[in-house]
Each structure stands twice: as structure tokens, then as C-alpha cells.
Amino acid sequence: MSHRFDTTPKDIVADENELKEIFAGVKTMPASTAFDAMIERGQISECRRLVLRLGQKQFGAAADPAVEAELTAIQDLDRLERFADAILTAKSWQELLATR
């Protein structure tokens, strides 16, 4: 008799309290490339969100769809962080996007 198992990847979702319970007592965690990648992806997303919010305050208008698309395409956290610094002196979205 043969058994078939569903090998389709599924999202695993746990709220903050469940995670605290799951990891209670865990003193160290081994390095994890996948975990590090997820953390970096979250940092990129948050930095991008911050740049968009600060840009709206600095330039008086929300980013147009083309600017937002260009920002969304950027996956370089260091560059997005440079945008966050440059937003203090940039005069427009275009000048900000010219930041390398």
C-alpha cells in the first residue's frame, strides 16, 4: 500500500504570542541563510516605506506611480538607506532617485 503526501509548500503563520511560546527557552539559534534573507527583505520593505513617507513630507506630494515603481524595484538596502539620508537635502523625487 502506498501513501501520498502533499508536498505543496504552505505558509506557516503564527502571531507574536505564539512565537514567544514556540521559542520560550531557546537560548541560541543556529545561523540561517533563509532567516537572514527574510530579515533583510523586511528591512528593505520598511526602509522603502519610510522613504516614501518622508518623501511625501519633504516634497509635499506622494510619489507618482513611476517613482513608486522605481523604488519598489530597488532591492539594495544600502542604497535605500542612502535615500533616507539624502531626503533631508533633496529637492524632488527625481533628485532623490539620482542618489547612488
Protein backbone atom coordinates (compact mmCIF):
# COMPACT_ATOMS: atom_id res chain seq x y z
CA MET A 1 0.00 0.00 0.00
CA SER A 2 1.43 3.33 -1.00
CA HIS A 3 0.75 6.67 0.69
CA ARG A 4 0.85 10.03 -1.00
CA PHE A 5 1.83 13.09 0.96
CA ASP A 6 1.03 16.62 -0.01
CA THR A 7 4.41 18.24 -0.62
CA THR A 8 3.00 21.61 -1.69
CA PRO A 9 4.64 24.39 0.34
CA LYS A 10 2.24 26.06 2.75
CA ASP A 11 2.53 29.36 4.56
CA ILE A 12 3.00 28.96 8.26
CA VAL A 13 1.59 31.89 10.16
CA ALA A 14 1.99 32.46 13.89
CA ASP A 15 1.21 35.59 15.83
CA GLU A 16 3.71 37.19 18.20
CA ASN A 17 2.39 35.40 21.31
CA GLU A 18 2.55 32.01 19.57
CA LEU A 19 6.13 32.71 18.51
CA LYS A 20 7.09 33.64 22.06
CA GLU A 21 5.65 30.33 23.26
CA ILE A 22 7.33 28.36 20.49
CA PHE A 23 10.75 29.87 21.21
CA ALA A 24 10.47 30.03 25.02
CA GLY A 25 13.62 28.60 26.48
CA VAL A 26 15.60 28.75 23.24
CA LYS A 27 18.97 30.21 24.17
CA THR A 28 20.70 30.19 20.80
CA MET A 29 19.66 29.66 17.25
CA PRO A 30 21.98 28.41 14.52
CA ALA A 31 22.76 30.71 11.62
CA SER A 32 20.14 30.51 8.92
CA THR A 33 20.56 31.91 5.45
CA ALA A 34 16.80 31.71 4.86
CA PHE A 35 16.08 33.54 8.11
CA ASP A 36 18.67 36.21 7.31
CA ALA A 37 17.12 36.67 3.86
CA MET A 38 13.67 37.13 5.38
CA ILE A 39 15.02 39.69 7.85
CA GLU A 40 16.74 41.62 5.06
CA ARG A 41 13.58 41.54 2.96
CA GLY A 42 11.68 43.05 5.90
CA GLN A 43 14.34 45.72 6.36
CA ILE A 44 14.17 46.63 2.66
CA SER A 45 10.39 46.86 2.81
CA GLU A 46 10.44 49.01 5.94
CA CYS A 47 13.17 51.31 4.60
CA ARG A 48 11.24 51.77 1.36
CA ARG A 49 8.07 52.58 3.33
CA LEU A 50 10.00 55.15 5.38
CA VAL A 51 11.50 56.79 2.27
CA LEU A 52 8.03 57.08 0.70
CA ARG A 53 6.57 58.59 3.88
CA LEU A 54 9.43 61.05 4.43
CA GLY A 55 9.46 61.95 0.74
CA GLN A 56 5.80 62.89 0.88
CA LYS A 57 6.54 65.21 3.82
CA GLN A 58 9.70 66.65 2.24
CA PHE A 59 8.36 67.16 -1.29
CA GLY A 60 4.74 67.92 -0.38
CA ALA A 61 3.33 65.20 -2.60
CA ALA A 62 3.12 61.45 -2.68
CA ALA A 63 5.41 59.69 -5.12
CA ASP A 64 3.82 59.25 -8.52
CA PRO A 65 3.36 55.66 -9.74
CA ALA A 66 6.58 55.72 -11.80
CA VAL A 67 8.66 56.85 -8.80
CA GLU A 68 6.98 54.31 -6.54
CA ALA A 69 7.65 51.56 -9.10
CA GLU A 70 11.32 52.57 -9.30
CA LEU A 71 11.63 52.50 -5.51
CA THR A 72 9.87 49.14 -5.37
CA ALA A 73 12.36 47.69 -7.85
CA ILE A 74 15.33 48.63 -5.64
CA GLN A 75 16.44 45.65 -3.55
CA ASP A 76 19.69 47.22 -2.27
CA LEU A 77 19.21 48.08 1.42
CA ASP A 78 22.33 50.26 1.49
CA ARG A 79 21.02 52.38 -1.39
CA LEU A 80 17.61 52.77 0.25
CA GLU A 81 19.36 53.86 3.45
CA ARG A 82 21.31 56.44 1.42
CA PHE A 83 17.93 57.70 0.14
CA ALA A 84 16.79 58.11 3.75
CA ASP A 85 19.89 60.26 4.42
CA ALA A 86 19.60 62.22 1.15
CA ILE A 87 15.94 63.03 1.68
CA LEU A 88 17.00 65.76 4.11
CA THR A 89 18.60 67.77 1.30
CA ALA A 90 16.92 66.55 -1.91
CA LYS A 91 14.53 68.98 -3.60
CA SER A 92 12.48 66.45 -5.59
CA TRP A 93 11.74 62.77 -6.06
CA GLN A 94 13.92 62.81 -9.19
CA GLU A 95 16.87 64.27 -7.30
CA LEU A 96 16.40 61.66 -4.57
CA LEU A 97 16.31 58.81 -7.10
CA ALA A 98 19.59 60.07 -8.58
CA THR A 99 21.25 59.16 -5.26
CA ARG A 100 23.69 56.29 -5.82
